[in-house]
């Protein structure tokens, strides 16, 4: 008896391989189309999010300015404050708030120095160097 390769002996074997390759080509083309559609959707969504963020920022700045102007007008309507005094008081309050926000930002960013990660990497490097030196000494001893 003679053993035959089932893919070469049958006439349908090469057809099966062609069908599989055609199926793989079609499936990879569909996957590429899907990735392109999802990338396009992500791009549109990201642009919409950026646009809405800019609009929100502009609205917040506008409301901040109007609140400041209203506060100046309220202070100026009081007897002890002149218009200039009210403007200076509101400007000073804004400077104090900005200094407090800056101080808080500096406090928050101190934790972003990755001290523990750097110490861990440094200890791994020291350990690796010691292993390399030990291996180098062993080869010299032989």
C-alpha atoms as a PDB file:
ATOM      1  CA  UNK A   1       0.000   0.000   0.000  1.00  0.00           C
ATOM      2  CA  UNK A   2       1.068   3.434  -0.792  1.00  0.00           C
ATOM      3  CA  UNK A   3       0.526   6.349   1.547  1.00  0.00           C
ATOM      4  CA  UNK A   4      -0.600   9.494  -0.143  1.00  0.00           C
ATOM      5  CA  UNK A   5      -0.722  13.017   1.114  1.00  0.00           C
ATOM      6  CA  UNK A   6      -4.441  13.768   1.434  1.00  0.00           C
ATOM      7  CA  UNK A   7      -3.943  17.283   0.098  1.00  0.00           C
ATOM      8  CA  UNK A   8      -2.021  16.223  -2.991  1.00  0.00           C
ATOM      9  CA  UNK A   9      -3.859  13.004  -3.747  1.00  0.00           C
ATOM     10  CA  UNK A  10      -7.306  14.507  -3.938  1.00  0.00           C
ATOM     11  CA  UNK A  11      -8.341  16.949  -6.570  1.00  0.00           C
ATOM     12  CA  UNK A  12     -10.337  18.867  -3.964  1.00  0.00           C
ATOM     13  CA  UNK A  13      -7.275  19.345  -1.735  1.00  0.00           C
ATOM     14  CA  UNK A  14      -5.925  22.268  -3.697  1.00  0.00           C
ATOM     15  CA  UNK A  15      -9.430  23.684  -3.900  1.00  0.00           C
ATOM     16  CA  UNK A  16      -9.649  23.520  -0.112  1.00  0.00           C
ATOM     17  CA  UNK A  17      -6.383  25.415   0.224  1.00  0.00           C
ATOM     18  CA  UNK A  18      -7.590  28.038  -2.251  1.00  0.00           C
ATOM     19  CA  UNK A  19     -10.859  28.345  -0.333  1.00  0.00           C
ATOM     20  CA  UNK A  20      -8.991  28.794   2.932  1.00  0.00           C
ATOM     21  CA  UNK A  21      -6.664  31.425   1.481  1.00  0.00           C
ATOM     22  CA  UNK A  22      -9.622  33.246  -0.090  1.00  0.00           C
ATOM     23  CA  UNK A  23     -11.427  33.125   3.248  1.00  0.00           C
ATOM     24  CA  UNK A  24      -8.358  34.440   5.096  1.00  0.00           C
ATOM     25  CA  UNK A  25      -7.935  37.247   2.552  1.00  0.00           C
ATOM     26  CA  UNK A  26     -11.586  38.231   2.854  1.00  0.00           C
ATOM     27  CA  UNK A  27     -11.453  38.072   6.638  1.00  0.00           C
ATOM     28  CA  UNK A  28      -8.297  40.198   6.828  1.00  0.00           C
ATOM     29  CA  UNK A  29      -9.818  42.733   4.397  1.00  0.00           C
ATOM     30  CA  UNK A  30     -12.941  42.912   6.565  1.00  0.00           C
ATOM     31  CA  UNK A  31     -10.804  43.369   9.687  1.00  0.00           C
ATOM     32  CA  UNK A  32      -8.861  46.197   8.010  1.00  0.00           C
ATOM     33  CA  UNK A  33     -12.112  47.892   6.977  1.00  0.00           C
ATOM     34  CA  UNK A  34     -13.430  47.551  10.523  1.00  0.00           C
ATOM     35  CA  UNK A  35     -10.267  49.072  11.987  1.00  0.00           C
ATOM     36  CA  UNK A  36     -10.456  51.965   9.513  1.00  0.00           C
ATOM     37  CA  UNK A  37     -14.112  52.638  10.333  1.00  0.00           C
ATOM     38  CA  UNK A  38     -13.397  52.543  14.065  1.00  0.00           C
ATOM     39  CA  UNK A  39     -10.383  54.838  13.625  1.00  0.00           C
ATOM     40  CA  UNK A  40     -12.518  57.300  11.673  1.00  0.00           C
ATOM     41  CA  UNK A  41     -15.200  57.163  14.379  1.00  0.00           C
ATOM     42  CA  UNK A  42     -12.541  57.737  17.047  1.00  0.00           C
ATOM     43  CA  UNK A  43     -11.211  60.724  15.120  1.00  0.00           C
ATOM     44  CA  UNK A  44     -14.648  62.313  14.808  1.00  0.00           C
ATOM     45  CA  UNK A  45     -15.383  61.670  18.477  1.00  0.00           C
ATOM     46  CA  UNK A  46     -12.025  63.069  19.581  1.00  0.00           C
ATOM     47  CA  UNK A  47     -12.542  66.209  17.491  1.00  0.00           C
ATOM     48  CA  UNK A  48     -16.031  66.680  18.925  1.00  0.00           C
ATOM     49  CA  UNK A  49     -14.675  66.256  22.440  1.00  0.00           C
ATOM     50  CA  UNK A  50     -11.910  68.801  21.822  1.00  0.00           C
ATOM     51  CA  UNK A  51     -14.396  71.261  20.333  1.00  0.00           C
ATOM     52  CA  UNK A  52     -16.797  70.877  23.233  1.00  0.00           C
ATOM     53  CA  UNK A  53     -13.937  71.289  25.703  1.00  0.00           C
ATOM     54  CA  UNK A  54     -12.942  74.570  24.044  1.00  0.00           C
ATOM     55  CA  UNK A  55     -16.562  75.779  24.158  1.00  0.00           C
ATOM     56  CA  UNK A  56     -16.861  74.852  27.847  1.00  0.00           C
ATOM     57  CA  UNK A  57     -13.565  76.612  28.626  1.00  0.00           C
ATOM     58  CA  UNK A  58     -14.729  79.767  26.838  1.00  0.00           C
ATOM     59  CA  UNK A  59     -18.053  79.724  28.668  1.00  0.00           C
ATOM     60  CA  UNK A  60     -16.303  79.262  32.011  1.00  0.00           C
ATOM     61  CA  UNK A  61     -13.909  82.152  31.319  1.00  0.00           C
ATOM     62  CA  UNK A  62     -16.826  84.338  30.264  1.00  0.00           C
ATOM     63  CA  UNK A  63     -18.800  83.504  33.383  1.00  0.00           C
ATOM     64  CA  UNK A  64     -15.712  84.147  35.524  1.00  0.00           C
ATOM     65  CA  UNK A  65     -15.341  87.594  33.952  1.00  0.00           C
ATOM     66  CA  UNK A  66     -19.014  88.441  34.442  1.00  0.00           C
ATOM     67  CA  UNK A  67     -18.919  87.278  38.055  1.00  0.00           C
ATOM     68  CA  UNK A  68     -15.856  89.456  38.622  1.00  0.00           C
ATOM     69  CA  UNK A  69     -17.569  92.447  37.013  1.00  0.00           C
ATOM     70  CA  UNK A  70     -20.695  91.877  39.095  1.00  0.00           C
ATOM     71  CA  UNK A  71     -18.584  91.644  42.238  1.00  0.00           C
ATOM     72  CA  UNK A  72     -16.841  94.915  41.364  1.00  0.00           C
ATOM     73  CA  UNK A  73     -20.196  96.590  40.798  1.00  0.00           C
ATOM     74  CA  UNK A  74     -21.532  95.220  44.089  1.00  0.00           C
ATOM     75  CA  UNK A  75     -18.465  96.439  45.982  1.00  0.00           C
ATOM     76  CA  UNK A  76     -18.578  99.832  44.233  1.00  0.00           C
ATOM     77  CA  UNK A  77     -22.197 100.283  45.238  1.00  0.00           C
ATOM     78  CA  UNK A  78     -21.178  99.998  48.896  1.00  0.00           C
ATOM     79  CA  UNK A  79     -20.169 103.252  50.562  1.00  0.00           C
ATOM     80  CA  UNK A  80     -16.630 102.304  51.731  1.00  0.00           C
ATOM     81  CA  UNK A  81     -15.420 101.245  48.252  1.00  0.00           C
ATOM     82  CA  UNK A  82     -14.807 103.475  45.269  1.00  0.00           C
ATOM     83  CA  UNK A  83     -14.774 101.959  41.765  1.00  0.00           C
ATOM     84  CA  UNK A  84     -10.978 101.796  41.755  1.00  0.00           C
ATOM     85  CA  UNK A  85     -10.898 100.266  45.225  1.00  0.00           C
ATOM     86  CA  UNK A  86     -13.447  97.642  44.201  1.00  0.00           C
ATOM     87  CA  UNK A  87     -11.441  96.763  41.086  1.00  0.00           C
ATOM     88  CA  UNK A  88      -8.239  96.465  43.110  1.00  0.00           C
ATOM     89  CA  UNK A  89      -9.958  94.341  45.761  1.00  0.00           C
ATOM     90  CA  UNK A  90     -11.340  91.906  43.184  1.00  0.00           C
ATOM     91  CA  UNK A  91      -7.975  91.784  41.388  1.00  0.00           C
ATOM     92  CA  UNK A  92      -6.220  91.068  44.690  1.00  0.00           C
ATOM     93  CA  UNK A  93      -8.733  88.317  45.483  1.00  0.00           C
ATOM     94  CA  UNK A  94      -8.062  86.780  42.063  1.00  0.00           C
ATOM     95  CA  UNK A  95      -4.305  86.903  42.672  1.00  0.00           C
ATOM     96  CA  UNK A  96      -4.736  85.195  46.049  1.00  0.00           C
ATOM     97  CA  UNK A  97      -6.921  82.488  44.472  1.00  0.00           C
ATOM     98  CA  UNK A  98      -4.374  82.003  41.677  1.00  0.00           C
ATOM     99  CA  UNK A  99      -1.550  81.686  44.239  1.00  0.00           C
ATOM    100  CA  UNK A 100      -3.568  79.101  46.200  1.00  0.00           C
ATOM    101  CA  UNK A 101      -4.292  77.137  43.016  1.00  0.00           C
ATOM    102  CA  UNK A 102      -0.604  77.257  42.052  1.00  0.00           C
ATOM    103  CA  UNK A 103       0.411  76.086  45.529  1.00  0.00           C
ATOM    104  CA  UNK A 104      -2.045  73.180  45.305  1.00  0.00           C
ATOM    105  CA  UNK A 105      -0.768  72.304  41.835  1.00  0.00           C
ATOM    106  CA  UNK A 106       2.811  72.203  43.103  1.00  0.00           C
ATOM    107  CA  UNK A 107       1.687  70.010  46.006  1.00  0.00           C
ATOM    108  CA  UNK A 108      -0.074  67.588  43.660  1.00  0.00           C
ATOM    109  CA  UNK A 109       2.824  67.348  41.207  1.00  0.00           C
ATOM    110  CA  UNK A 110       5.290  66.342  43.924  1.00  0.00           C
ATOM    111  CA  UNK A 111       3.781  62.861  43.818  1.00  0.00           C
ATOM    112  CA  UNK A 112       4.499  62.589  40.089  1.00  0.00           C
ATOM    113  CA  UNK A 113       8.262  62.260  40.442  1.00  0.00           C
ATOM    114  CA  UNK A 114       8.027  58.437  40.536  1.00  0.00           C
ATOM    115  CA  UNK A 115      10.480  58.188  43.431  1.00  0.00           C
ATOM    116  CA  UNK A 116       9.555  54.603  44.247  1.00  0.00           C
ATOM    117  CA  UNK A 117       9.747  53.484  40.625  1.00  0.00           C
ATOM    118  CA  UNK A 118      13.143  55.112  40.138  1.00  0.00           C
ATOM    119  CA  UNK A 119      14.439  53.552  43.369  1.00  0.00           C
ATOM    120  CA  UNK A 120      13.173  50.142  42.248  1.00  0.00           C
ATOM    121  CA  UNK A 121      14.795  50.467  38.824  1.00  0.00           C
ATOM    122  CA  UNK A 122      18.042  51.639  40.415  1.00  0.00           C
ATOM    123  CA  UNK A 123      18.075  48.661  42.777  1.00  0.00           C
ATOM    124  CA  UNK A 124      17.436  46.319  39.834  1.00  0.00           C
ATOM    125  CA  UNK A 125      20.323  47.914  37.930  1.00  0.00           C
ATOM    126  CA  UNK A 126      22.645  47.554  40.927  1.00  0.00           C
ATOM    127  CA  UNK A 127      21.604  43.914  41.302  1.00  0.00           C
ATOM    128  CA  UNK A 128      22.148  43.280  37.568  1.00  0.00           C
ATOM    129  CA  UNK A 129      25.594  44.896  37.722  1.00  0.00           C
ATOM    130  CA  UNK A 130      26.558  42.735  40.677  1.00  0.00           C
ATOM    131  CA  UNK A 131      25.416  39.608  38.798  1.00  0.00           C
ATOM    132  CA  UNK A 132      27.417  40.632  35.728  1.00  0.00           C
ATOM    133  CA  UNK A 133      30.496  41.318  37.838  1.00  0.00           C
ATOM    134  CA  UNK A 134      30.111  37.966  39.627  1.00  0.00           C
ATOM    135  CA  UNK A 135      29.783  36.161  36.286  1.00  0.00           C
ATOM    136  CA  UNK A 136      32.833  38.010  34.975  1.00  0.00           C
ATOM    137  CA  UNK A 137      34.877  36.995  38.009  1.00  0.00           C
ATOM    138  CA  UNK A 138      33.841  33.343  37.587  1.00  0.00           C
ATOM    139  CA  UNK A 139      34.993  33.307  33.969  1.00  0.00           C
ATOM    140  CA  UNK A 140      38.317  34.888  34.938  1.00  0.00           C
ATOM    141  CA  UNK A 141      38.860  32.256  37.656  1.00  0.00           C
ATOM    142  CA  UNK A 142      38.463  29.396  35.190  1.00  0.00           C
END
